[in-house]
């Protein structure tokens, strides 16, 4: 496995030098720790609906989603009744996918449960980055349709430090011998986390920056 500096140099060579590469990197957003519950529910819903669907279509319809789901008020959505669900299935301002619409209610309940643990902002942003896969596993188990890349994108959109196992990031991890195929098993995800932790210790950079450097070394 190459050092982070070596992978950074590969990326820099592909993108016009170190300064140009730095301009392409993304960084954790401190404001993630103050993100309100309704915004977490909004991000969860957007990520769920974008999975396997056109991101552009979802983005264009997003004002309709905000209106249809009461600006993602957690209490209102957690207690959504069948009449409300039926009306949403007829609402042309959103994508009328029944299973995904149901996740809004389920994830609102999940967010309410987190209040007993300090609240979503605290739980999500204070979880150690050295165990990011633990956070992803928790999202998969307790949330609705928040496993895999969907949970990773929720955290990325929120600005919470973490990695996204995109095709290019996966390609670099395979090239470095960290994994031999896309990481879906717990063993493979542990190997990914160990590699990211190693590169973090070498560079002092966030997982988000490391993830971007890995992606740009291939794409």
N, C-alpha and C. Protein backbone atom coordinates (compact mmCIF):
# COMPACT_ATOMS: atom_id res chain seq x y z
N UNK A 1 0.85 -1.20 0.00
CA UNK A 1 0.00 0.00 0.00
C UNK A 1 0.88 1.25 0.00
N UNK A 2 0.63 2.16 -0.93
CA UNK A 2 1.42 3.38 -0.99
C UNK A 2 1.11 4.30 0.19
N UNK A 3 2.04 5.19 0.46
CA UNK A 3 1.80 6.21 1.48
C UNK A 3 0.81 7.23 0.94
N UNK A 4 0.23 8.03 1.84
CA UNK A 4 -0.69 9.06 1.38
C UNK A 4 0.02 10.06 0.49
N UNK A 5 1.25 10.40 0.82
CA UNK A 5 2.01 11.37 0.01
C UNK A 5 2.16 10.89 -1.42
N UNK A 6 2.42 9.59 -1.60
CA UNK A 6 2.57 9.03 -2.94
C UNK A 6 1.26 9.09 -3.72
N UNK A 7 0.16 8.79 -3.05
CA UNK A 7 -1.14 8.85 -3.73
C UNK A 7 -1.51 10.30 -4.03
N UNK A 8 -1.18 11.20 -3.12
CA UNK A 8 -1.42 12.62 -3.36
C UNK A 8 -0.67 13.08 -4.60
N UNK A 9 0.57 12.63 -4.75
CA UNK A 9 1.39 13.02 -5.90
C UNK A 9 0.77 12.48 -7.20
N UNK A 10 0.22 11.28 -7.16
CA UNK A 10 -0.43 10.72 -8.34
C UNK A 10 -1.62 11.61 -8.74
N UNK A 11 -2.41 11.98 -7.75
CA UNK A 11 -3.58 12.82 -8.00
C UNK A 11 -3.15 14.20 -8.52
N UNK A 12 -2.12 14.75 -7.91
CA UNK A 12 -1.65 16.07 -8.32
C UNK A 12 -1.17 16.05 -9.77
N UNK A 13 -0.45 15.00 -10.15
CA UNK A 13 0.03 14.88 -11.52
C UNK A 13 -1.13 14.81 -12.52
N UNK A 14 -2.23 14.22 -12.09
CA UNK A 14 -3.39 14.08 -12.98
C UNK A 14 -4.22 15.36 -13.07
N UNK A 15 -4.05 16.27 -12.11
CA UNK A 15 -4.95 17.42 -12.03
C UNK A 15 -4.23 18.77 -11.97
N UNK A 16 -3.04 18.84 -12.56
CA UNK A 16 -2.40 20.13 -12.72
C UNK A 16 -1.54 20.60 -11.57
N UNK A 17 -1.13 19.70 -10.71
CA UNK A 17 -0.24 20.08 -9.63
C UNK A 17 -0.90 20.12 -8.27
N UNK A 18 -0.07 20.27 -7.24
CA UNK A 18 -0.55 20.21 -5.86
C UNK A 18 -1.54 21.32 -5.54
N UNK A 19 -1.24 22.53 -6.00
CA UNK A 19 -2.13 23.65 -5.69
C UNK A 19 -3.50 23.46 -6.33
N UNK A 20 -3.50 22.99 -7.57
CA UNK A 20 -4.77 22.74 -8.27
C UNK A 20 -5.55 21.63 -7.59
N UNK A 21 -4.85 20.61 -7.12
CA UNK A 21 -5.51 19.51 -6.42
C UNK A 21 -6.13 19.99 -5.12
N UNK A 22 -5.39 20.79 -4.37
CA UNK A 22 -5.92 21.30 -3.10
C UNK A 22 -7.25 22.03 -3.32
N UNK A 23 -7.36 22.74 -4.42
CA UNK A 23 -8.58 23.49 -4.71
C UNK A 23 -9.77 22.58 -4.99
N UNK A 24 -9.49 21.33 -5.32
CA UNK A 24 -10.56 20.38 -5.63
C UNK A 24 -11.02 19.58 -4.41
N UNK A 25 -10.30 19.70 -3.31
CA UNK A 25 -10.62 18.90 -2.14
C UNK A 25 -11.83 19.46 -1.39
N UNK A 26 -12.54 18.58 -0.70
CA UNK A 26 -13.66 18.97 0.14
C UNK A 26 -13.26 18.76 1.59
N UNK A 27 -13.86 19.55 2.47
CA UNK A 27 -13.47 19.54 3.88
C UNK A 27 -14.71 19.40 4.77
N UNK A 28 -14.54 18.82 5.95
CA UNK A 28 -15.66 18.73 6.90
C UNK A 28 -16.19 20.13 7.23
N UNK A 29 -17.49 20.20 7.45
CA UNK A 29 -18.14 21.47 7.78
C UNK A 29 -18.48 21.49 9.27
N UNK A 30 -17.87 22.39 10.04
CA UNK A 30 -18.16 22.47 11.48
C UNK A 30 -19.64 22.70 11.77
N UNK A 31 -20.37 23.29 10.80
CA UNK A 31 -21.78 23.57 11.00
C UNK A 31 -22.62 22.29 11.07
N UNK A 32 -22.04 21.15 10.69
CA UNK A 32 -22.79 19.89 10.77
C UNK A 32 -23.25 19.61 12.19
N UNK A 33 -22.49 20.06 13.17
CA UNK A 33 -22.83 19.78 14.57
C UNK A 33 -24.07 20.57 15.03
N UNK A 34 -24.46 21.57 14.26
CA UNK A 34 -25.64 22.38 14.64
C UNK A 34 -26.78 22.18 13.65
N UNK A 35 -26.64 21.22 12.75
CA UNK A 35 -27.69 20.96 11.76
C UNK A 35 -28.95 20.47 12.47
N UNK A 36 -30.07 21.10 12.20
CA UNK A 36 -31.33 20.77 12.87
C UNK A 36 -31.87 19.42 12.42
N UNK A 37 -32.71 18.83 13.25
CA UNK A 37 -33.31 17.53 12.95
C UNK A 37 -34.00 17.51 11.59
N UNK A 38 -34.76 18.56 11.29
CA UNK A 38 -35.51 18.55 10.02
C UNK A 38 -34.57 18.52 8.83
N UNK A 39 -33.38 19.14 8.97
CA UNK A 39 -32.41 19.11 7.86
C UNK A 39 -31.77 17.73 7.73
N UNK A 40 -31.58 17.05 8.85
CA UNK A 40 -31.09 15.67 8.76
C UNK A 40 -32.12 14.79 8.05
N UNK A 41 -33.39 14.98 8.38
CA UNK A 41 -34.42 14.18 7.72
C UNK A 41 -34.49 14.53 6.24
N UNK A 42 -34.33 15.79 5.91
CA UNK A 42 -34.31 16.21 4.52
C UNK A 42 -33.16 15.55 3.76
N UNK A 43 -31.96 15.55 4.35
CA UNK A 43 -30.81 14.95 3.70
C UNK A 43 -30.97 13.44 3.55
N UNK A 44 -31.52 12.80 4.58
CA UNK A 44 -31.77 11.36 4.49
C UNK A 44 -32.72 11.05 3.35
N UNK A 45 -33.79 11.83 3.27
CA UNK A 45 -34.80 11.59 2.24
C UNK A 45 -34.23 11.83 0.84
N UNK A 46 -33.49 12.91 0.68
CA UNK A 46 -32.90 13.20 -0.63
C UNK A 46 -31.96 12.07 -1.05
N UNK A 47 -31.15 11.60 -0.11
CA UNK A 47 -30.19 10.52 -0.44
C UNK A 47 -30.91 9.23 -0.78
N UNK A 48 -31.98 8.92 -0.06
CA UNK A 48 -32.76 7.71 -0.35
C UNK A 48 -33.38 7.80 -1.74
N UNK A 49 -33.97 8.93 -2.07
CA UNK A 49 -34.62 9.06 -3.37
C UNK A 49 -33.63 9.15 -4.52
N UNK A 50 -32.44 9.68 -4.28
CA UNK A 50 -31.45 9.77 -5.34
C UNK A 50 -30.83 8.42 -5.66
N UNK A 51 -30.84 7.50 -4.70
CA UNK A 51 -30.24 6.18 -4.90
C UNK A 51 -30.96 5.46 -6.05
N UNK A 52 -30.22 5.17 -7.10
CA UNK A 52 -30.79 4.46 -8.24
C UNK A 52 -31.70 5.29 -9.11
N UNK A 53 -31.67 6.61 -8.95
CA UNK A 53 -32.56 7.48 -9.71
C UNK A 53 -31.78 8.71 -10.17
N UNK A 54 -32.35 9.46 -11.08
CA UNK A 54 -31.68 10.65 -11.58
C UNK A 54 -31.59 11.72 -10.49
N UNK A 55 -30.35 12.12 -10.17
CA UNK A 55 -30.16 13.16 -9.16
C UNK A 55 -30.77 14.48 -9.63
N UNK A 56 -30.67 14.74 -10.92
CA UNK A 56 -31.21 15.99 -11.46
C UNK A 56 -32.71 16.08 -11.27
N UNK A 57 -33.41 14.99 -11.53
CA UNK A 57 -34.86 14.97 -11.36
C UNK A 57 -35.23 15.24 -9.90
N UNK A 58 -34.54 14.57 -8.98
CA UNK A 58 -34.83 14.77 -7.56
C UNK A 58 -34.54 16.22 -7.15
N UNK A 59 -33.43 16.75 -7.62
CA UNK A 59 -33.07 18.13 -7.28
C UNK A 59 -34.12 19.11 -7.80
N UNK A 60 -34.58 18.90 -9.02
CA UNK A 60 -35.58 19.80 -9.61
C UNK A 60 -36.92 19.72 -8.87
N UNK A 61 -37.22 18.56 -8.33
CA UNK A 61 -38.48 18.37 -7.62
C UNK A 61 -38.36 18.69 -6.13
N UNK A 62 -37.17 19.05 -5.66
CA UNK A 62 -36.97 19.14 -4.23
C UNK A 62 -37.89 20.14 -3.53
N UNK A 63 -38.18 21.31 -4.11
CA UNK A 63 -39.14 22.21 -3.44
C UNK A 63 -40.48 21.52 -3.20
N UNK A 64 -40.89 20.66 -4.13
CA UNK A 64 -42.13 19.90 -3.95
C UNK A 64 -42.03 18.92 -2.81
N UNK A 65 -40.87 18.29 -2.65
CA UNK A 65 -40.65 17.38 -1.53
C UNK A 65 -40.75 18.13 -0.20
N UNK A 66 -40.09 19.29 -0.14
CA UNK A 66 -40.11 20.07 1.10
C UNK A 66 -41.54 20.43 1.50
N UNK A 67 -42.34 20.82 0.52
CA UNK A 67 -43.73 21.19 0.80
C UNK A 67 -44.56 19.96 1.18
N UNK A 68 -44.37 18.87 0.44
CA UNK A 68 -45.17 17.66 0.67
C UNK A 68 -44.93 17.05 2.04
N UNK A 69 -43.70 17.17 2.53
CA UNK A 69 -43.34 16.57 3.82
C UNK A 69 -43.21 17.62 4.93
N UNK A 70 -43.99 18.70 4.80
CA UNK A 70 -44.07 19.71 5.87
C UNK A 70 -42.71 20.23 6.29
N UNK A 71 -41.87 20.54 5.28
CA UNK A 71 -40.50 21.03 5.54
C UNK A 71 -39.70 20.05 6.41
N UNK A 72 -40.09 18.78 6.32
CA UNK A 72 -39.44 17.69 7.03
C UNK A 72 -39.47 17.84 8.54
N UNK A 73 -40.55 18.42 9.03
CA UNK A 73 -40.77 18.47 10.47
C UNK A 73 -40.78 17.02 11.00
N UNK A 74 -39.90 16.74 11.95
CA UNK A 74 -39.72 15.36 12.41
C UNK A 74 -40.95 14.82 13.10
N UNK A 75 -41.56 15.61 13.98
CA UNK A 75 -42.75 15.14 14.69
C UNK A 75 -43.90 14.83 13.76
N UNK A 76 -44.18 15.73 12.84
CA UNK A 76 -45.30 15.51 11.92
C UNK A 76 -45.08 14.27 11.07
N UNK A 77 -43.84 14.07 10.60
CA UNK A 77 -43.59 12.92 9.74
C UNK A 77 -43.54 11.62 10.51
N UNK A 78 -43.09 11.66 11.76
CA UNK A 78 -43.05 10.44 12.57
C UNK A 78 -44.47 9.91 12.83
N UNK A 79 -45.43 10.83 12.90
CA UNK A 79 -46.81 10.42 13.17
C UNK A 79 -47.69 10.53 11.93
N UNK A 80 -47.08 10.39 10.77
CA UNK A 80 -47.82 10.41 9.51
C UNK A 80 -48.83 9.26 9.48
N UNK A 81 -50.08 9.57 9.17
CA UNK A 81 -51.10 8.52 9.14
C UNK A 81 -51.28 7.98 7.71
N UNK A 82 -52.10 6.95 7.58
CA UNK A 82 -52.29 6.31 6.28
C UNK A 82 -52.93 7.25 5.27
N UNK A 83 -53.78 8.14 5.73
CA UNK A 83 -54.41 9.11 4.83
C UNK A 83 -53.35 10.02 4.20
N UNK A 84 -52.40 10.45 5.01
CA UNK A 84 -51.31 11.28 4.51
C UNK A 84 -50.46 10.50 3.52
N UNK A 85 -50.15 9.25 3.84
CA UNK A 85 -49.36 8.42 2.94
C UNK A 85 -50.06 8.25 1.60
N UNK A 86 -51.36 8.01 1.65
CA UNK A 86 -52.13 7.85 0.42
C UNK A 86 -52.09 9.12 -0.42
N UNK A 87 -52.18 10.27 0.23
CA UNK A 87 -52.16 11.53 -0.51
C UNK A 87 -50.80 11.75 -1.16
N UNK A 88 -49.74 11.32 -0.49
CA UNK A 88 -48.40 11.48 -1.06
C UNK A 88 -48.21 10.61 -2.29
N UNK A 89 -48.84 9.46 -2.31
CA UNK A 89 -48.74 8.57 -3.47
C UNK A 89 -49.42 9.16 -4.70
N UNK A 90 -50.23 10.18 -4.51
CA UNK A 90 -50.92 10.84 -5.62
C UNK A 90 -50.32 12.21 -5.94
N UNK A 91 -49.30 12.59 -5.19
CA UNK A 91 -48.72 13.92 -5.32
C UNK A 91 -47.68 13.94 -6.44
N UNK A 92 -47.99 14.61 -7.54
CA UNK A 92 -47.08 14.65 -8.68
C UNK A 92 -45.90 15.60 -8.48
N UNK A 93 -45.88 16.31 -7.36
CA UNK A 93 -44.76 17.20 -7.08
C UNK A 93 -43.54 16.45 -6.54
N UNK A 94 -43.74 15.17 -6.21
CA UNK A 94 -42.64 14.34 -5.72
C UNK A 94 -42.55 13.09 -6.58
N UNK A 95 -41.54 12.28 -6.33
CA UNK A 95 -41.44 10.98 -6.98
C UNK A 95 -42.27 10.00 -6.17
N UNK A 96 -43.27 9.41 -6.81
CA UNK A 96 -44.26 8.61 -6.08
C UNK A 96 -43.84 7.15 -5.96
N UNK A 97 -42.82 6.94 -5.16
CA UNK A 97 -42.32 5.60 -4.87
C UNK A 97 -42.75 5.26 -3.45
N UNK A 98 -43.71 4.35 -3.31
CA UNK A 98 -44.30 4.07 -2.01
C UNK A 98 -43.30 3.63 -0.96
N UNK A 99 -42.38 2.75 -1.33
CA UNK A 99 -41.41 2.23 -0.36
C UNK A 99 -40.49 3.35 0.13
N UNK A 100 -40.10 4.23 -0.78
CA UNK A 100 -39.21 5.32 -0.37
C UNK A 100 -39.96 6.40 0.41
N UNK A 101 -41.19 6.63 0.07
CA UNK A 101 -42.01 7.59 0.84
C UNK A 101 -42.13 7.10 2.29
N UNK A 102 -42.30 5.80 2.46
CA UNK A 102 -42.43 5.23 3.80
C UNK A 102 -41.19 5.48 4.64
N UNK A 103 -40.01 5.58 3.99
CA UNK A 103 -38.78 5.80 4.76
C UNK A 103 -38.79 7.14 5.48
N UNK A 104 -39.56 8.11 4.98
CA UNK A 104 -39.59 9.42 5.64
C UNK A 104 -40.17 9.26 7.04
N UNK A 105 -41.27 8.52 7.14
CA UNK A 105 -41.85 8.28 8.46
C UNK A 105 -40.90 7.47 9.33
N UNK A 106 -40.33 6.41 8.76
CA UNK A 106 -39.44 5.55 9.53
C UNK A 106 -38.21 6.30 10.03
N UNK A 107 -37.63 7.13 9.18
CA UNK A 107 -36.43 7.86 9.60
C UNK A 107 -36.74 9.01 10.54
N UNK A 108 -37.96 9.53 10.46
CA UNK A 108 -38.38 10.53 11.45
C UNK A 108 -38.46 9.89 12.82
N UNK A 109 -38.99 8.67 12.88
CA UNK A 109 -39.04 7.93 14.15
C UNK A 109 -37.62 7.67 14.66
N UNK A 110 -36.73 7.28 13.77
CA UNK A 110 -35.33 7.05 14.12
C UNK A 110 -34.71 8.30 14.74
N UNK A 111 -34.95 9.45 14.14
CA UNK A 111 -34.40 10.69 14.66
C UNK A 111 -34.98 11.03 16.03
N UNK A 112 -36.25 10.74 16.23
CA UNK A 112 -36.85 10.97 17.54
C UNK A 112 -36.23 10.07 18.60
N UNK A 113 -35.92 8.83 18.22
CA UNK A 113 -35.29 7.91 19.16
C UNK A 113 -33.91 8.42 19.58
N UNK A 114 -33.21 9.07 18.66
CA UNK A 114 -31.87 9.58 18.96
C UNK A 114 -31.90 10.72 19.98
N UNK A 115 -33.06 11.31 20.20
CA UNK A 115 -33.15 12.36 21.21
C UNK A 115 -32.77 11.83 22.59
N UNK A 116 -33.04 10.54 22.81
CA UNK A 116 -32.70 9.93 24.09
C UNK A 116 -31.20 9.71 24.24
N UNK A 117 -30.47 9.89 23.15
CA UNK A 117 -29.02 9.68 23.15
C UNK A 117 -28.26 10.99 22.94
N UNK A 118 -28.98 12.10 23.08
CA UNK A 118 -28.34 13.40 22.91
C UNK A 118 -28.75 14.14 21.66
N UNK A 119 -29.47 13.45 20.78
CA UNK A 119 -29.94 14.08 19.55
C UNK A 119 -29.08 13.76 18.35
N UNK A 120 -29.69 13.83 17.17
CA UNK A 120 -29.00 13.47 15.93
C UNK A 120 -27.69 14.23 15.72
N UNK A 121 -27.67 15.56 15.86
CA UNK A 121 -26.41 16.27 15.62
C UNK A 121 -25.26 15.75 16.49
N UNK A 122 -25.55 15.51 17.75
CA UNK A 122 -24.52 15.02 18.68
C UNK A 122 -24.07 13.61 18.29
N UNK A 123 -25.04 12.72 18.07
CA UNK A 123 -24.71 11.33 17.75
C UNK A 123 -23.92 11.25 16.45
N UNK A 124 -24.38 11.93 15.42
CA UNK A 124 -23.76 11.82 14.11
C UNK A 124 -22.40 12.50 14.02
N UNK A 125 -22.25 13.66 14.65
CA UNK A 125 -21.01 14.42 14.47
C UNK A 125 -19.94 14.11 15.52
N UNK A 126 -20.34 13.55 16.66
CA UNK A 126 -19.34 13.22 17.68
C UNK A 126 -18.87 11.78 17.60
N UNK A 127 -19.46 11.00 16.70
CA UNK A 127 -19.00 9.63 16.49
C UNK A 127 -17.57 9.69 15.96
N UNK A 128 -16.63 8.94 16.51
CA UNK A 128 -15.23 9.04 16.08
C UNK A 128 -15.05 8.73 14.59
N UNK A 129 -14.31 9.57 13.92
CA UNK A 129 -14.03 9.33 12.50
C UNK A 129 -13.21 8.06 12.30
N UNK A 130 -12.46 7.66 13.31
CA UNK A 130 -11.68 6.42 13.24
C UNK A 130 -12.57 5.19 13.25
N UNK A 131 -13.86 5.38 13.52
CA UNK A 131 -14.83 4.29 13.46
C UNK A 131 -16.02 4.73 12.60
N UNK A 132 -15.72 5.36 11.48
CA UNK A 132 -16.79 5.81 10.59
C UNK A 132 -17.66 4.64 10.14
N UNK A 133 -17.05 3.48 9.95
CA UNK A 133 -17.84 2.33 9.52
C UNK A 133 -18.83 1.91 10.60
N UNK A 134 -18.51 2.19 11.87
CA UNK A 134 -19.46 1.91 12.95
C UNK A 134 -20.69 2.79 12.84
N UNK A 135 -20.47 4.06 12.49
CA UNK A 135 -21.59 4.97 12.27
C UNK A 135 -22.44 4.51 11.09
N UNK A 136 -21.78 4.10 10.02
CA UNK A 136 -22.52 3.63 8.85
C UNK A 136 -23.34 2.38 9.19
N UNK A 137 -22.77 1.51 10.00
CA UNK A 137 -23.49 0.29 10.40
C UNK A 137 -24.71 0.64 11.24
N UNK A 138 -24.55 1.62 12.12
CA UNK A 138 -25.68 2.06 12.94
C UNK A 138 -26.79 2.63 12.06
N UNK A 139 -26.44 3.43 11.07
CA UNK A 139 -27.44 3.99 10.15
C UNK A 139 -28.18 2.87 9.41
N UNK A 140 -27.43 1.87 8.98
CA UNK A 140 -28.02 0.74 8.26
C UNK A 140 -29.00 -0.03 9.12
N UNK A 141 -28.63 -0.27 10.39
CA UNK A 141 -29.45 -1.09 11.28
C UNK A 141 -30.67 -0.34 11.81
N UNK A 142 -30.50 0.94 12.13
CA UNK A 142 -31.57 1.66 12.81
C UNK A 142 -32.37 2.58 11.90
N UNK A 143 -31.76 2.99 10.80
CA UNK A 143 -32.46 3.83 9.85
C UNK A 143 -33.16 3.00 8.79
N UNK A 144 -33.85 3.66 7.89
CA UNK A 144 -34.56 2.97 6.82
C UNK A 144 -33.91 3.31 5.48
N UNK A 145 -33.38 2.29 4.84
CA UNK A 145 -32.70 2.44 3.54
C UNK A 145 -31.49 3.38 3.63
N UNK A 146 -30.80 3.34 4.75
CA UNK A 146 -29.64 4.21 4.93
C UNK A 146 -28.33 3.42 4.92
N UNK A 147 -28.37 2.20 4.39
CA UNK A 147 -27.16 1.40 4.30
C UNK A 147 -26.33 1.76 3.08
N UNK A 148 -25.13 1.21 3.03
CA UNK A 148 -24.27 1.38 1.86
C UNK A 148 -23.96 2.82 1.52
N UNK A 149 -23.98 3.10 0.21
CA UNK A 149 -23.64 4.43 -0.26
C UNK A 149 -24.62 5.50 0.17
N UNK A 150 -25.86 5.12 0.49
CA UNK A 150 -26.84 6.13 0.89
C UNK A 150 -26.44 6.79 2.20
N UNK A 151 -26.07 6.00 3.18
CA UNK A 151 -25.63 6.57 4.45
C UNK A 151 -24.38 7.41 4.29
N UNK A 152 -23.47 6.96 3.42
CA UNK A 152 -22.25 7.73 3.16
C UNK A 152 -22.58 9.09 2.57
N UNK A 153 -23.55 9.14 1.64
CA UNK A 153 -23.92 10.41 1.02
C UNK A 153 -24.63 11.33 1.99
N UNK A 154 -25.44 10.79 2.90
CA UNK A 154 -26.07 11.63 3.92
C UNK A 154 -25.00 12.38 4.70
N UNK A 155 -23.98 11.67 5.12
CA UNK A 155 -22.92 12.29 5.91
C UNK A 155 -22.12 13.29 5.08
N UNK A 156 -21.89 12.97 3.80
CA UNK A 156 -21.15 13.89 2.93
C UNK A 156 -21.96 15.18 2.71
N UNK A 157 -23.25 15.04 2.43
CA UNK A 157 -24.09 16.22 2.21
C UNK A 157 -24.16 17.09 3.47
N UNK A 158 -24.12 16.44 4.63
CA UNK A 158 -24.20 17.18 5.89
C UNK A 158 -22.88 17.87 6.23
N UNK A 159 -21.80 17.44 5.59
CA UNK A 159 -20.49 18.00 5.90
C UNK A 159 -19.78 17.28 7.03
N UNK A 160 -20.33 16.14 7.42
CA UNK A 160 -19.71 15.35 8.50
C UNK A 160 -18.52 14.59 7.92
N UNK A 161 -17.42 14.54 8.62
CA UNK A 161 -16.22 13.88 8.11
C UNK A 161 -16.49 12.40 7.86
N UNK A 162 -16.00 11.92 6.72
CA UNK A 162 -16.18 10.53 6.37
C UNK A 162 -15.74 10.29 4.94
N UNK A 163 -15.83 9.05 4.50
CA UNK A 163 -15.47 8.74 3.12
C UNK A 163 -16.69 8.28 2.34
N UNK A 164 -16.58 8.37 1.03
CA UNK A 164 -17.60 7.86 0.13
C UNK A 164 -16.91 6.83 -0.77
N UNK A 165 -17.40 5.61 -0.74
CA UNK A 165 -16.77 4.54 -1.51
C UNK A 165 -17.31 4.52 -2.94
N UNK A 166 -16.97 5.58 -3.66
CA UNK A 166 -17.37 5.70 -5.06
C UNK A 166 -16.58 4.71 -5.90
N UNK A 167 -16.90 4.65 -7.17
CA UNK A 167 -16.18 3.75 -8.09
C UNK A 167 -14.70 4.08 -8.11
N UNK A 168 -14.36 5.38 -8.15
CA UNK A 168 -12.95 5.77 -8.24
C UNK A 168 -12.21 5.51 -6.93
N UNK A 169 -12.86 5.80 -5.79
CA UNK A 169 -12.22 5.51 -4.49
C UNK A 169 -11.98 4.01 -4.36
N UNK A 170 -12.99 3.24 -4.73
CA UNK A 170 -12.86 1.78 -4.68
C UNK A 170 -11.74 1.30 -5.59
N UNK A 171 -11.63 1.91 -6.77
CA UNK A 171 -10.56 1.54 -7.70
C UNK A 171 -9.19 1.75 -7.09
N UNK A 172 -9.00 2.88 -6.40
CA UNK A 172 -7.71 3.15 -5.77
C UNK A 172 -7.45 2.17 -4.62
N UNK A 173 -8.49 1.87 -3.82
CA UNK A 173 -8.33 0.93 -2.71
C UNK A 173 -7.95 -0.46 -3.22
N UNK A 174 -8.52 -0.84 -4.35
CA UNK A 174 -8.16 -2.13 -4.94
C UNK A 174 -6.72 -2.09 -5.45
N UNK A 175 -6.35 -0.98 -6.10
CA UNK A 175 -4.99 -0.83 -6.62
C UNK A 175 -3.95 -0.89 -5.51
N UNK A 176 -4.34 -0.41 -4.32
CA UNK A 176 -3.41 -0.41 -3.19
C UNK A 176 -3.44 -1.71 -2.40
N UNK A 177 -4.26 -2.66 -2.83
CA UNK A 177 -4.32 -3.95 -2.16
C UNK A 177 -5.08 -3.95 -0.85
N UNK A 178 -5.85 -2.89 -0.61
CA UNK A 178 -6.64 -2.82 0.64
C UNK A 178 -7.80 -3.80 0.58
N UNK A 179 -8.45 -3.84 -0.57
CA UNK A 179 -9.56 -4.77 -0.82
C UNK A 179 -9.37 -5.34 -2.22
N UNK A 180 -10.11 -6.39 -2.55
CA UNK A 180 -9.98 -6.95 -3.90
C UNK A 180 -11.25 -6.80 -4.74
N UNK A 181 -12.28 -6.18 -4.13
CA UNK A 181 -13.53 -5.92 -4.83
C UNK A 181 -14.29 -4.89 -4.00
N UNK A 182 -15.38 -4.31 -4.54
CA UNK A 182 -16.12 -3.31 -3.75
C UNK A 182 -16.43 -3.80 -2.35
N UNK A 183 -16.22 -2.92 -1.37
CA UNK A 183 -16.36 -3.29 0.04
C UNK A 183 -17.82 -3.31 0.47
N UNK A 184 -18.33 -4.51 0.68
CA UNK A 184 -19.70 -4.66 1.18
C UNK A 184 -19.74 -5.45 2.48
N UNK A 185 -18.76 -6.32 2.69
CA UNK A 185 -18.74 -7.13 3.92
C UNK A 185 -18.15 -6.33 5.06
N UNK A 186 -18.43 -6.76 6.29
CA UNK A 186 -17.87 -6.09 7.46
C UNK A 186 -16.35 -6.19 7.48
N UNK A 187 -15.83 -7.33 7.03
CA UNK A 187 -14.38 -7.50 7.00
C UNK A 187 -13.74 -6.50 6.04
N UNK A 188 -14.31 -6.37 4.86
CA UNK A 188 -13.77 -5.44 3.87
C UNK A 188 -13.87 -4.00 4.35
N UNK A 189 -14.98 -3.66 4.98
CA UNK A 189 -15.14 -2.29 5.49
C UNK A 189 -14.15 -1.99 6.61
N UNK A 190 -13.84 -2.99 7.43
CA UNK A 190 -12.82 -2.80 8.46
C UNK A 190 -11.46 -2.55 7.83
N UNK A 191 -11.18 -3.26 6.73
CA UNK A 191 -9.92 -3.06 6.03
C UNK A 191 -9.84 -1.65 5.45
N UNK A 192 -10.97 -1.17 4.92
CA UNK A 192 -11.03 0.19 4.39
C UNK A 192 -10.79 1.20 5.50
N UNK A 193 -11.47 1.01 6.63
CA UNK A 193 -11.30 1.93 7.75
C UNK A 193 -9.85 1.95 8.24
N UNK A 194 -9.24 0.79 8.32
CA UNK A 194 -7.84 0.71 8.76
C UNK A 194 -6.93 1.49 7.82
N UNK A 195 -7.16 1.36 6.52
CA UNK A 195 -6.35 2.08 5.54
C UNK A 195 -6.54 3.59 5.68
N UNK A 196 -7.79 4.04 5.81
CA UNK A 196 -8.05 5.47 5.97
C UNK A 196 -7.42 5.99 7.26
N UNK A 197 -7.51 5.21 8.32
CA UNK A 197 -6.90 5.63 9.59
C UNK A 197 -5.39 5.75 9.44
N UNK A 198 -4.80 4.83 8.68
CA UNK A 198 -3.35 4.86 8.45
C UNK A 198 -2.97 6.13 7.68
N UNK A 199 -3.71 6.43 6.62
CA UNK A 199 -3.41 7.62 5.83
C UNK A 199 -3.68 8.90 6.61
N UNK A 200 -4.68 8.85 7.48
CA UNK A 200 -4.95 10.01 8.34
C UNK A 200 -3.78 10.25 9.30
N UNK A 201 -3.25 9.17 9.87
CA UNK A 201 -2.12 9.30 10.80
C UNK A 201 -0.89 9.85 10.08
N UNK A 202 -0.72 9.47 8.83
CA UNK A 202 0.43 9.94 8.05
C UNK A 202 0.31 11.42 7.69
N UNK A 203 -0.92 11.84 7.33
CA UNK A 203 -1.10 13.16 6.73
C UNK A 203 -1.75 14.20 7.63
N UNK A 204 -2.49 13.74 8.64
CA UNK A 204 -3.25 14.66 9.48
C UNK A 204 -4.49 15.19 8.78
N UNK A 205 -4.81 14.65 7.62
CA UNK A 205 -5.97 15.11 6.86
C UNK A 205 -7.23 14.37 7.27
N UNK A 206 -8.37 15.00 7.00
CA UNK A 206 -9.66 14.39 7.31
C UNK A 206 -9.93 13.21 6.38
N UNK A 207 -10.86 12.35 6.78
CA UNK A 207 -11.27 11.25 5.91
C UNK A 207 -11.85 11.79 4.62
N UNK A 208 -12.54 12.92 4.70
CA UNK A 208 -13.17 13.53 3.53
C UNK A 208 -12.12 13.94 2.50
N UNK A 209 -11.04 14.56 2.98
CA UNK A 209 -9.96 14.95 2.07
C UNK A 209 -9.27 13.72 1.47
N UNK A 210 -9.01 12.75 2.31
CA UNK A 210 -8.35 11.52 1.83
C UNK A 210 -9.20 10.83 0.78
N UNK A 211 -10.50 10.76 1.04
CA UNK A 211 -11.43 10.14 0.09
C UNK A 211 -11.38 10.83 -1.27
N UNK A 212 -11.34 12.15 -1.24
CA UNK A 212 -11.31 12.93 -2.48
C UNK A 212 -9.99 12.73 -3.23
N UNK A 213 -8.87 12.70 -2.48
CA UNK A 213 -7.58 12.47 -3.11
C UNK A 213 -7.54 11.11 -3.78
N UNK A 214 -8.08 10.08 -3.10
CA UNK A 214 -8.12 8.75 -3.68
C UNK A 214 -8.95 8.74 -4.96
N UNK A 215 -10.09 9.41 -4.92
CA UNK A 215 -10.97 9.44 -6.10
C UNK A 215 -10.28 10.13 -7.27
N UNK A 216 -9.59 11.23 -6.99
CA UNK A 216 -8.94 12.00 -8.06
C UNK A 216 -7.68 11.32 -8.59
N UNK A 217 -7.19 10.31 -7.86
CA UNK A 217 -6.02 9.58 -8.35
C UNK A 217 -6.42 8.61 -9.46
N UNK A 218 -7.72 8.37 -9.60
CA UNK A 218 -8.22 7.47 -10.64
C UNK A 218 -9.08 8.20 -11.67
N UNK A 219 -9.97 9.08 -11.16
CA UNK A 219 -10.92 9.74 -12.06
C UNK A 219 -10.44 11.09 -12.53
